[in-house]
Amino acid sequence: MSAALDREVNELIKQGKAMDAFEKFYADGVEMSENFDPPCVGKDANRKREYEFFGKVEKVNSAELLAQSYDEATGAGFSEWDWDVVFKGGFATRMRQVGVRRWKNGQVVHERFYYKPAM
C-alpha cells in the first residue's frame, strides 16, 4: 500500500503540489532533514520550513523524476530528482537530489534529502 502512496507523493511533487502531498501524507511527528543535518521534528515546524523554502523560489523550470523505488521490508521510498530552479533575486541552479521517505501506517514519518549544495 505504501508503495502506491509514495508514487502518489512523487506525482504531486511533479505537478507542483508538494505542499498538498505534505498535508495529506506526512505524520504529525514527521522528522525531515537535509543531508546529514539534524532533523527538523514535527509537522508544524516542517510546514514552516517548507513554506520558507518555497517562498524563496521564483520559478521551477523543471522537476524531473529520474527514478523511484520502494522497499516493502523497510517501508522506505526512494526517489531521484533533477531540479532546475530560479530563486528570487535571479540565482538559478540545477540540482540532482535523492529523497528517502520512511512510511508507517500510511504516513511519512521520516524524510531525508541527499544532495550536493550549489556553490
Protein backbone atom coordinates (compact mmCIF):
# COMPACT_ATOMS: atom_id res chain seq x y z
CA MET A 1 0.00 0.00 0.00
CA SER A 2 2.69 2.49 0.91
CA ALA A 3 4.44 1.97 -2.43
CA ALA A 4 1.37 3.40 -4.17
CA LEU A 5 1.23 6.26 -1.68
CA ASP A 6 4.92 7.03 -2.26
CA ARG A 7 4.30 7.15 -6.02
CA GLU A 8 1.35 9.49 -5.36
CA VAL A 9 3.59 11.85 -3.37
CA ASN A 10 6.08 11.91 -6.26
CA GLU A 11 3.28 12.61 -8.75
CA LEU A 12 2.01 15.54 -6.66
CA ILE A 13 5.55 16.95 -6.47
CA LYS A 14 5.88 16.71 -10.28
CA GLN A 15 2.60 18.65 -10.57
CA GLY A 16 3.96 21.44 -8.33
CA LYS A 17 1.77 20.33 -5.41
CA ALA A 18 4.43 19.40 -2.85
CA MET A 19 2.56 21.10 -0.01
CA ASP A 20 -0.64 19.23 -0.89
CA ALA A 21 1.34 15.99 -0.56
CA PHE A 22 2.80 17.21 2.73
CA GLU A 23 -0.61 17.98 4.21
CA LYS A 24 -2.15 14.73 3.03
CA PHE A 25 0.59 12.21 3.79
CA TYR A 26 3.00 13.48 6.44
CA ALA A 27 2.60 12.43 10.09
CA ASP A 28 2.24 14.97 12.90
CA GLY A 29 5.62 13.93 14.31
CA VAL A 30 7.45 13.72 10.98
CA GLU A 31 11.21 14.22 11.04
CA MET A 32 12.81 15.81 7.97
CA SER A 33 16.46 16.57 7.30
CA GLU A 34 18.86 17.76 4.65
CA ASN A 35 21.92 15.58 4.02
CA PHE A 36 23.27 14.69 7.46
CA ASP A 37 21.93 17.73 9.33
CA PRO A 38 19.91 17.09 12.50
CA PRO A 39 16.22 16.56 11.72
CA CYS A 40 13.51 19.18 11.99
CA VAL A 41 10.83 17.49 14.11
CA GLY A 42 7.06 17.89 13.88
CA LYS A 43 4.62 18.69 11.11
CA ASP A 44 4.16 22.33 12.19
CA ALA A 45 7.92 23.01 12.25
CA ASN A 46 8.43 21.28 8.91
CA ARG A 47 5.46 23.06 7.34
CA LYS A 48 7.05 26.39 8.32
CA ARG A 49 10.40 25.29 6.91
CA GLU A 50 8.85 24.13 3.64
CA TYR A 51 6.89 27.37 3.18
CA GLU A 52 10.06 29.36 3.86
CA PHE A 53 11.89 27.39 1.17
CA PHE A 54 9.12 27.67 -1.42
CA GLY A 55 8.81 31.38 -0.59
CA LYS A 56 12.37 31.84 -1.89
CA VAL A 57 11.61 30.14 -5.22
CA GLU A 58 10.68 32.38 -8.11
CA LYS A 59 10.23 29.63 -10.69
CA VAL A 60 10.68 25.89 -11.07
CA ASN A 61 11.72 25.39 -14.68
CA SER A 62 11.58 21.63 -14.29
CA ALA A 63 11.32 18.88 -11.71
CA GLU A 64 12.12 15.60 -13.38
CA LEU A 65 11.69 12.33 -11.52
CA LEU A 66 14.57 10.19 -12.79
CA ALA A 67 13.93 7.05 -10.74
CA GLN A 68 11.80 5.76 -7.90
CA SER A 69 11.69 2.59 -5.86
CA TYR A 70 10.02 1.26 -2.75
CA ASP A 71 11.28 -1.34 -0.26
CA GLU A 72 8.34 -3.07 1.40
CA ALA A 73 10.58 -4.71 4.02
CA THR A 74 11.75 -1.38 5.45
CA GLY A 75 8.85 0.87 4.43
CA ALA A 76 11.21 3.18 2.56
CA GLY A 77 10.58 5.00 -0.70
CA PHE A 78 13.48 6.30 -2.77
CA SER A 79 13.30 8.94 -5.48
CA GLU A 80 15.94 10.65 -7.61
CA TRP A 81 15.15 14.10 -8.95
CA ASP A 82 16.70 16.61 -11.33
CA TRP A 83 15.65 20.14 -10.38
CA ASP A 84 16.07 23.33 -12.43
CA VAL A 85 15.10 26.21 -10.15
CA VAL A 86 15.32 30.01 -10.18
CA PHE A 87 15.29 31.70 -6.80
CA LYS A 88 14.06 35.22 -6.11
CA GLY A 89 16.87 37.61 -6.87
CA GLY A 90 17.81 35.68 -10.02
CA PHE A 91 20.02 32.88 -8.65
CA ALA A 92 19.44 29.86 -10.88
CA THR A 93 20.59 26.34 -10.11
CA ARG A 94 20.27 22.82 -11.36
CA MET A 95 20.42 20.18 -8.68
CA ARG A 96 20.33 16.39 -8.53
CA GLN A 97 18.62 15.19 -5.34
CA VAL A 98 17.78 11.85 -3.78
CA GLY A 99 14.94 11.68 -1.28
CA VAL A 100 14.27 8.84 1.13
CA ARG A 101 10.84 8.63 2.75
CA ARG A 102 10.05 6.22 5.55
CA TRP A 103 6.40 5.26 5.93
CA LYS A 104 4.42 3.93 8.87
CA ASN A 105 0.66 3.32 8.91
CA GLY A 106 0.17 5.16 5.62
CA GLN A 107 2.05 8.31 6.66
CA VAL A 108 5.56 9.64 6.09
CA VAL A 109 7.34 9.59 9.45
CA HIS A 110 10.84 10.46 8.24
CA GLU A 111 12.28 12.07 5.11
CA ARG A 112 15.87 12.90 4.24
CA PHE A 113 17.15 14.70 1.15
CA TYR A 114 20.65 13.96 -0.14
CA TYR A 115 22.32 16.43 -2.49
CA LYS A 116 25.44 18.47 -3.01
CA PRO A 117 24.66 22.11 -2.20
CA ALA A 118 25.05 24.55 -5.10
CA MET A 119 28.24 26.57 -4.93
